[in-house]
């Protein structure tokens, strides 16, 4: 199965100069915790609800702070014709819950999430992805 068959196509992109308030509102409107960040017709990062809480709120930034201040600038993506098995393995290896999906012209056409993988892959494949994505990295601990 190709990613194109199971990805979400209702994607909203935010600009790096948008406020984190606007990004949070967009996430609320589309009921998602992830937005690709685009500038000059190119992906320049991603922002998650977790970025807003752990980077912005924890650092005392105001809701008017820019997305650029808290976004993740490294963009991991896949192509719409990639296999679900390969993308699930990549998501597990990189511990990603969501990934932008591009066409071969490098245009954003969707997002693949762990939820999409779990609904589309067989139980072993989605279980492996979830298990690896959820493995502790050693950076975070709860006491």
N, C-alpha and C. Protein backbone atom coordinates (compact mmCIF):
# COMPACT_ATOMS: atom_id res chain seq x y z
N UNK A 1 0.84 -1.18 0.00
CA UNK A 1 0.00 0.00 0.00
C UNK A 1 0.89 1.24 0.00
N UNK A 2 0.52 2.22 -0.82
CA UNK A 2 1.24 3.49 -0.88
C UNK A 2 0.68 4.47 0.14
N UNK A 3 1.51 5.40 0.54
CA UNK A 3 1.11 6.44 1.50
C UNK A 3 -0.09 7.22 0.97
N UNK A 4 -0.15 7.44 -0.32
CA UNK A 4 -1.24 8.21 -0.92
C UNK A 4 -2.60 7.61 -0.57
N UNK A 5 -2.66 6.32 -0.34
CA UNK A 5 -3.92 5.64 -0.06
C UNK A 5 -4.39 5.80 1.38
N UNK A 6 -3.53 6.28 2.26
CA UNK A 6 -3.94 6.37 3.66
C UNK A 6 -3.61 7.69 4.34
N UNK A 7 -2.96 8.61 3.65
CA UNK A 7 -2.58 9.89 4.25
C UNK A 7 -3.79 10.81 4.40
N UNK A 8 -3.65 11.79 5.24
CA UNK A 8 -4.65 12.85 5.37
C UNK A 8 -4.31 13.94 4.36
N UNK A 9 -5.31 14.39 3.64
CA UNK A 9 -5.07 15.42 2.62
C UNK A 9 -5.54 16.80 3.06
N UNK A 10 -6.24 16.88 4.17
CA UNK A 10 -6.71 18.16 4.69
C UNK A 10 -5.60 18.79 5.51
N UNK A 11 -4.68 19.47 4.81
CA UNK A 11 -3.48 20.00 5.45
C UNK A 11 -3.50 21.52 5.38
N UNK A 12 -3.17 22.12 6.48
CA UNK A 12 -3.01 23.57 6.52
C UNK A 12 -1.55 23.87 6.81
N UNK A 13 -1.00 24.83 6.12
CA UNK A 13 0.39 25.24 6.30
C UNK A 13 0.39 26.60 6.98
N UNK A 14 1.33 26.80 7.89
CA UNK A 14 1.46 28.12 8.49
C UNK A 14 2.80 28.72 8.09
N UNK A 15 2.87 30.02 8.17
CA UNK A 15 4.10 30.74 7.82
C UNK A 15 4.98 30.86 9.06
N UNK A 16 6.29 30.90 8.88
CA UNK A 16 7.18 31.01 10.03
C UNK A 16 7.02 32.33 10.80
N UNK A 17 6.51 33.35 10.14
CA UNK A 17 6.31 34.63 10.80
C UNK A 17 4.93 34.75 11.44
N UNK A 18 4.09 33.73 11.30
CA UNK A 18 2.80 33.72 11.99
C UNK A 18 3.04 33.62 13.48
N UNK A 19 2.06 34.03 14.25
CA UNK A 19 2.19 33.91 15.70
C UNK A 19 1.86 32.48 16.13
N UNK A 20 2.39 32.10 17.28
CA UNK A 20 2.06 30.76 17.77
C UNK A 20 0.58 30.70 18.15
N UNK A 21 -0.03 31.83 18.48
CA UNK A 21 -1.47 31.88 18.73
C UNK A 21 -2.22 31.47 17.46
N UNK A 22 -1.81 32.02 16.31
CA UNK A 22 -2.47 31.67 15.05
C UNK A 22 -2.26 30.19 14.71
N UNK A 23 -1.07 29.68 14.99
CA UNK A 23 -0.80 28.26 14.74
C UNK A 23 -1.69 27.39 15.62
N UNK A 24 -1.81 27.76 16.90
CA UNK A 24 -2.66 26.99 17.81
C UNK A 24 -4.12 27.05 17.38
N UNK A 25 -4.57 28.19 16.93
CA UNK A 25 -5.96 28.31 16.44
C UNK A 25 -6.18 27.43 15.21
N UNK A 26 -5.21 27.43 14.31
CA UNK A 26 -5.33 26.59 13.11
C UNK A 26 -5.39 25.11 13.51
N UNK A 27 -4.55 24.71 14.46
CA UNK A 27 -4.58 23.33 14.94
C UNK A 27 -5.93 22.98 15.52
N UNK A 28 -6.49 23.91 16.28
CA UNK A 28 -7.82 23.68 16.87
C UNK A 28 -8.88 23.54 15.77
N UNK A 29 -8.81 24.40 14.77
CA UNK A 29 -9.81 24.37 13.70
C UNK A 29 -9.80 23.06 12.92
N UNK A 30 -8.62 22.51 12.69
CA UNK A 30 -8.55 21.27 11.91
C UNK A 30 -8.41 20.04 12.80
N UNK A 31 -8.46 20.25 14.11
CA UNK A 31 -8.37 19.16 15.09
C UNK A 31 -7.11 18.34 14.86
N UNK A 32 -5.98 19.04 14.85
CA UNK A 32 -4.69 18.39 14.65
C UNK A 32 -3.66 19.03 15.57
N UNK A 33 -2.60 18.33 15.87
CA UNK A 33 -1.55 18.85 16.71
C UNK A 33 -0.27 19.11 15.96
N UNK A 34 -0.38 19.31 14.66
CA UNK A 34 0.80 19.41 13.80
C UNK A 34 0.48 20.28 12.60
N UNK A 35 1.41 21.17 12.27
CA UNK A 35 1.29 21.97 11.05
C UNK A 35 2.65 22.04 10.36
N UNK A 36 2.68 21.80 9.06
CA UNK A 36 3.90 22.09 8.30
C UNK A 36 4.08 23.61 8.26
N UNK A 37 5.32 24.04 8.22
CA UNK A 37 5.63 25.47 8.13
C UNK A 37 6.26 25.72 6.77
N UNK A 38 5.66 26.64 6.01
CA UNK A 38 6.14 26.91 4.66
C UNK A 38 6.46 28.36 4.42
N UNK A 39 7.48 28.55 3.58
CA UNK A 39 7.91 29.90 3.22
C UNK A 39 8.42 29.86 1.79
N UNK A 40 7.97 30.80 0.97
CA UNK A 40 8.39 30.85 -0.43
C UNK A 40 8.19 29.51 -1.13
N UNK A 41 7.04 28.91 -0.91
CA UNK A 41 6.63 27.67 -1.56
C UNK A 41 7.52 26.47 -1.19
N UNK A 42 8.16 26.52 -0.04
CA UNK A 42 9.00 25.42 0.44
C UNK A 42 8.72 25.16 1.91
N UNK A 43 8.81 23.90 2.30
CA UNK A 43 8.71 23.56 3.71
C UNK A 43 10.00 23.97 4.41
N UNK A 44 9.85 24.69 5.51
CA UNK A 44 11.02 25.14 6.26
C UNK A 44 11.01 24.61 7.69
N UNK A 45 9.98 23.88 8.04
CA UNK A 45 9.89 23.32 9.38
C UNK A 45 8.53 22.74 9.65
N UNK A 46 8.35 22.35 10.90
CA UNK A 46 7.05 21.87 11.38
C UNK A 46 6.86 22.43 12.78
N UNK A 47 5.61 22.56 13.17
CA UNK A 47 5.29 22.98 14.53
C UNK A 47 4.20 22.06 15.06
N UNK A 48 4.36 21.68 16.31
CA UNK A 48 3.38 20.81 16.96
C UNK A 48 2.82 21.51 18.20
N UNK A 49 1.72 20.97 18.68
CA UNK A 49 1.18 21.48 19.93
C UNK A 49 2.20 21.32 21.05
N UNK A 50 2.99 20.28 20.98
CA UNK A 50 4.04 20.05 21.98
C UNK A 50 5.14 21.12 21.88
N UNK A 51 5.50 21.54 20.67
CA UNK A 51 6.48 22.62 20.51
C UNK A 51 5.98 23.89 21.20
N UNK A 52 4.69 24.16 21.05
CA UNK A 52 4.13 25.36 21.64
C UNK A 52 4.20 25.29 23.17
N UNK A 53 3.89 24.12 23.73
CA UNK A 53 3.90 24.03 25.18
C UNK A 53 5.31 23.90 25.75
N UNK A 54 6.14 23.06 25.15
CA UNK A 54 7.46 22.81 25.75
C UNK A 54 8.50 23.85 25.38
N UNK A 55 8.33 24.51 24.28
CA UNK A 55 9.29 25.54 23.91
C UNK A 55 8.78 26.93 24.23
N UNK A 56 7.56 27.24 23.83
CA UNK A 56 7.06 28.60 24.01
C UNK A 56 6.62 28.87 25.44
N UNK A 57 5.70 28.08 25.93
CA UNK A 57 5.17 28.32 27.27
C UNK A 57 6.26 28.14 28.31
N UNK A 58 7.04 27.07 28.19
CA UNK A 58 8.09 26.80 29.17
C UNK A 58 9.15 27.91 29.20
N UNK A 59 9.34 28.58 28.07
CA UNK A 59 10.32 29.67 28.01
C UNK A 59 9.71 31.04 28.30
N UNK A 60 8.42 31.07 28.57
CA UNK A 60 7.77 32.34 28.90
C UNK A 60 7.47 33.22 27.71
N UNK A 61 7.44 32.64 26.51
CA UNK A 61 7.12 33.44 25.32
C UNK A 61 5.64 33.80 25.33
N UNK A 62 5.31 34.90 24.71
CA UNK A 62 3.91 35.31 24.62
C UNK A 62 3.25 34.63 23.43
N UNK A 63 1.93 34.63 23.39
CA UNK A 63 1.23 34.05 22.23
C UNK A 63 1.54 34.76 20.91
N UNK A 64 2.11 35.96 21.01
CA UNK A 64 2.48 36.70 19.80
C UNK A 64 3.86 36.32 19.27
N UNK A 65 4.57 35.44 19.97
CA UNK A 65 5.88 34.97 19.49
C UNK A 65 5.68 34.29 18.14
N UNK A 66 6.71 34.34 17.33
CA UNK A 66 6.58 33.77 15.99
C UNK A 66 6.75 32.25 16.00
N UNK A 67 6.14 31.63 15.05
CA UNK A 67 6.27 30.19 14.85
C UNK A 67 7.75 29.84 14.69
N UNK A 68 8.49 30.67 13.99
CA UNK A 68 9.92 30.43 13.74
C UNK A 68 10.70 30.23 15.05
N UNK A 69 10.27 30.90 16.11
CA UNK A 69 10.98 30.81 17.39
C UNK A 69 10.85 29.44 18.05
N UNK A 70 9.82 28.68 17.72
CA UNK A 70 9.59 27.40 18.41
C UNK A 70 9.47 26.20 17.49
N UNK A 71 9.43 26.43 16.20
CA UNK A 71 9.26 25.32 15.26
C UNK A 71 10.49 24.42 15.22
N UNK A 72 10.29 23.23 14.71
CA UNK A 72 11.41 22.32 14.44
C UNK A 72 11.84 22.57 13.01
N UNK A 73 13.06 23.06 12.80
CA UNK A 73 13.48 23.42 11.44
C UNK A 73 13.85 22.22 10.57
N UNK A 74 14.12 21.10 11.16
CA UNK A 74 14.48 19.92 10.38
C UNK A 74 13.19 19.23 9.91
N UNK A 75 13.01 19.11 8.60
CA UNK A 75 11.80 18.52 8.06
C UNK A 75 12.10 17.13 7.52
N UNK A 76 11.49 16.13 8.14
CA UNK A 76 11.55 14.76 7.62
C UNK A 76 10.25 14.56 6.85
N UNK A 77 10.34 14.08 5.64
CA UNK A 77 9.16 13.92 4.82
C UNK A 77 9.25 12.60 4.06
N UNK A 78 8.14 12.23 3.45
CA UNK A 78 8.11 11.07 2.58
C UNK A 78 7.37 11.47 1.31
N UNK A 79 7.38 10.58 0.34
CA UNK A 79 6.68 10.82 -0.91
C UNK A 79 5.39 10.01 -0.95
N UNK A 80 4.41 10.53 -1.66
CA UNK A 80 3.10 9.90 -1.71
C UNK A 80 3.13 8.50 -2.31
N UNK A 81 4.15 8.19 -3.11
CA UNK A 81 4.21 6.86 -3.71
C UNK A 81 5.13 5.91 -2.93
N UNK A 82 5.64 6.36 -1.77
CA UNK A 82 6.41 5.47 -0.90
C UNK A 82 5.49 4.42 -0.31
N UNK A 83 6.06 3.30 0.04
CA UNK A 83 5.24 2.24 0.64
C UNK A 83 4.98 2.54 2.11
N UNK A 84 3.82 2.12 2.57
CA UNK A 84 3.45 2.30 3.96
C UNK A 84 4.46 1.60 4.87
N UNK A 85 4.91 0.45 4.48
CA UNK A 85 5.89 -0.30 5.27
C UNK A 85 7.17 0.49 5.46
N UNK A 86 7.69 1.08 4.38
CA UNK A 86 8.93 1.87 4.47
C UNK A 86 8.75 3.12 5.32
N UNK A 87 7.63 3.80 5.13
CA UNK A 87 7.39 5.03 5.88
C UNK A 87 7.18 4.72 7.37
N UNK A 88 6.46 3.66 7.67
CA UNK A 88 6.26 3.26 9.07
C UNK A 88 7.61 2.96 9.73
N UNK A 89 8.49 2.30 8.99
CA UNK A 89 9.82 1.98 9.53
C UNK A 89 10.62 3.27 9.77
N UNK A 90 10.53 4.22 8.85
CA UNK A 90 11.23 5.49 9.01
C UNK A 90 10.67 6.27 10.19
N UNK A 91 9.34 6.31 10.31
CA UNK A 91 8.73 7.01 11.44
C UNK A 91 9.18 6.38 12.76
N UNK A 92 9.26 5.06 12.79
CA UNK A 92 9.70 4.38 14.01
C UNK A 92 11.16 4.71 14.31
N UNK A 93 12.00 4.63 13.30
CA UNK A 93 13.43 4.90 13.48
C UNK A 93 13.68 6.33 13.98
N UNK A 94 12.95 7.28 13.41
CA UNK A 94 13.14 8.69 13.77
C UNK A 94 12.25 9.14 14.92
N UNK A 95 11.41 8.25 15.40
CA UNK A 95 10.45 8.52 16.47
C UNK A 95 9.55 9.70 16.13
N UNK A 96 8.94 9.63 14.93
CA UNK A 96 8.04 10.67 14.46
C UNK A 96 6.60 10.17 14.52
N UNK A 97 5.72 11.02 15.00
CA UNK A 97 4.29 10.67 15.04
C UNK A 97 3.56 11.15 13.78
N UNK A 98 4.15 12.13 13.10
CA UNK A 98 3.55 12.68 11.88
C UNK A 98 4.66 13.06 10.92
N UNK A 99 4.32 13.02 9.62
CA UNK A 99 5.32 13.36 8.62
C UNK A 99 4.63 13.99 7.40
N UNK A 100 5.15 15.11 6.91
CA UNK A 100 4.59 15.68 5.68
C UNK A 100 4.80 14.71 4.51
N UNK A 101 3.84 14.72 3.60
CA UNK A 101 3.90 13.88 2.40
C UNK A 101 3.99 14.80 1.19
N UNK A 102 4.99 14.55 0.34
CA UNK A 102 5.21 15.36 -0.85
C UNK A 102 4.97 14.52 -2.10
N UNK A 103 4.63 15.21 -3.20
CA UNK A 103 4.63 14.51 -4.48
C UNK A 103 6.05 14.60 -5.04
N UNK A 104 6.29 13.99 -6.18
CA UNK A 104 7.66 13.96 -6.72
C UNK A 104 8.14 15.32 -7.22
N UNK A 105 7.23 16.30 -7.32
CA UNK A 105 7.62 17.68 -7.62
C UNK A 105 7.95 18.45 -6.34
N UNK A 106 7.99 17.71 -5.23
CA UNK A 106 8.27 18.25 -3.89
C UNK A 106 7.24 19.28 -3.45
N UNK A 107 5.99 19.03 -3.78
CA UNK A 107 4.86 19.86 -3.33
C UNK A 107 4.12 19.10 -2.25
N UNK A 108 3.74 19.78 -1.19
CA UNK A 108 3.02 19.16 -0.09
C UNK A 108 1.65 18.70 -0.56
N UNK A 109 1.34 17.43 -0.32
CA UNK A 109 0.04 16.89 -0.73
C UNK A 109 -0.71 16.25 0.43
N UNK A 110 -0.05 16.12 1.60
CA UNK A 110 -0.73 15.52 2.73
C UNK A 110 0.17 15.35 3.93
N UNK A 111 -0.35 14.67 4.93
CA UNK A 111 0.38 14.33 6.14
C UNK A 111 0.04 12.89 6.48
N UNK A 112 1.03 12.13 6.87
CA UNK A 112 0.81 10.77 7.36
C UNK A 112 1.05 10.79 8.86
N UNK A 113 0.15 10.20 9.61
CA UNK A 113 0.28 10.18 11.06
C UNK A 113 0.35 8.73 11.55
N UNK A 114 0.75 8.58 12.77
CA UNK A 114 0.77 7.27 13.39
C UNK A 114 -0.64 6.67 13.37
N UNK A 115 -1.65 7.50 13.55
CA UNK A 115 -3.03 7.02 13.47
C UNK A 115 -3.36 6.48 12.09
N UNK A 116 -2.90 7.18 11.04
CA UNK A 116 -3.12 6.70 9.67
C UNK A 116 -2.44 5.35 9.47
N UNK A 117 -1.22 5.22 10.00
CA UNK A 117 -0.49 3.95 9.88
C UNK A 117 -1.25 2.85 10.59
N UNK A 118 -1.73 3.14 11.80
CA UNK A 118 -2.40 2.09 12.58
C UNK A 118 -3.70 1.64 11.93
N UNK A 119 -4.38 2.53 11.23
CA UNK A 119 -5.63 2.15 10.55
C UNK A 119 -5.38 1.41 9.24
N UNK A 120 -4.20 1.59 8.67
CA UNK A 120 -3.94 1.06 7.33
C UNK A 120 -3.00 -0.13 7.29
N UNK A 121 -2.10 -0.23 8.24
CA UNK A 121 -1.09 -1.29 8.24
C UNK A 121 -1.63 -2.52 8.97
N UNK A 122 -0.94 -3.63 8.78
CA UNK A 122 -1.32 -4.80 9.56
C UNK A 122 -0.88 -4.57 11.01
N UNK A 123 -1.38 -5.38 11.91
CA UNK A 123 -1.16 -5.19 13.34
C UNK A 123 0.32 -5.23 13.70
N UNK A 124 1.09 -6.13 13.11
CA UNK A 124 2.51 -6.23 13.43
C UNK A 124 3.25 -4.95 13.02
N UNK A 125 2.95 -4.47 11.82
CA UNK A 125 3.65 -3.29 11.30
C UNK A 125 3.32 -2.05 12.13
N UNK A 126 2.04 -1.83 12.41
CA UNK A 126 1.68 -0.64 13.18
C UNK A 126 2.14 -0.78 14.63
N UNK A 127 2.14 -1.99 15.16
CA UNK A 127 2.64 -2.21 16.52
C UNK A 127 4.12 -1.92 16.62
N UNK A 128 4.89 -2.35 15.62
CA UNK A 128 6.33 -2.07 15.61
C UNK A 128 6.59 -0.57 15.55
N UNK A 129 5.84 0.13 14.69
CA UNK A 129 6.02 1.58 14.57
C UNK A 129 5.72 2.25 15.90
N UNK A 130 4.60 1.90 16.52
CA UNK A 130 4.23 2.51 17.78
C UNK A 130 5.26 2.21 18.86
N UNK A 131 5.70 0.98 18.93
CA UNK A 131 6.67 0.58 19.95
C UNK A 131 7.96 1.40 19.83
N UNK A 132 8.47 1.55 18.61
CA UNK A 132 9.73 2.28 18.41
C UNK A 132 9.56 3.79 18.59
N UNK A 133 8.43 4.32 18.15
CA UNK A 133 8.18 5.75 18.31
C UNK A 133 8.08 6.09 19.79
N UNK A 134 7.54 5.17 20.56
CA UNK A 134 7.31 5.43 21.98
C UNK A 134 8.49 5.10 22.88
N UNK A 135 9.56 4.56 22.33
CA UNK A 135 10.72 4.23 23.16
C UNK A 135 11.33 5.48 23.74
N UNK A 136 11.72 5.42 25.03
CA UNK A 136 12.36 6.59 25.64
C UNK A 136 13.68 6.89 24.95
N UNK A 137 13.98 8.16 24.84
CA UNK A 137 15.22 8.58 24.18
C UNK A 137 16.35 8.80 25.18
N UNK A 138 16.02 8.75 26.45
CA UNK A 138 17.02 9.01 27.46
C UNK A 138 17.08 10.47 27.85
N UNK A 139 16.43 11.34 27.09
CA UNK A 139 16.42 12.75 27.38
C UNK A 139 15.33 13.07 28.40
N UNK A 140 14.26 12.32 28.36
CA UNK A 140 13.09 12.59 29.18
C UNK A 140 12.97 11.53 30.27
N UNK A 141 12.69 11.95 31.46
CA UNK A 141 12.39 10.99 32.52
C UNK A 141 11.32 11.55 33.43
N UNK A 142 10.54 10.66 33.98
CA UNK A 142 9.50 11.07 34.91
C UNK A 142 9.82 10.47 36.26
N UNK A 143 9.85 11.29 37.27
CA UNK A 143 10.13 10.81 38.63
C UNK A 143 8.95 11.10 39.51
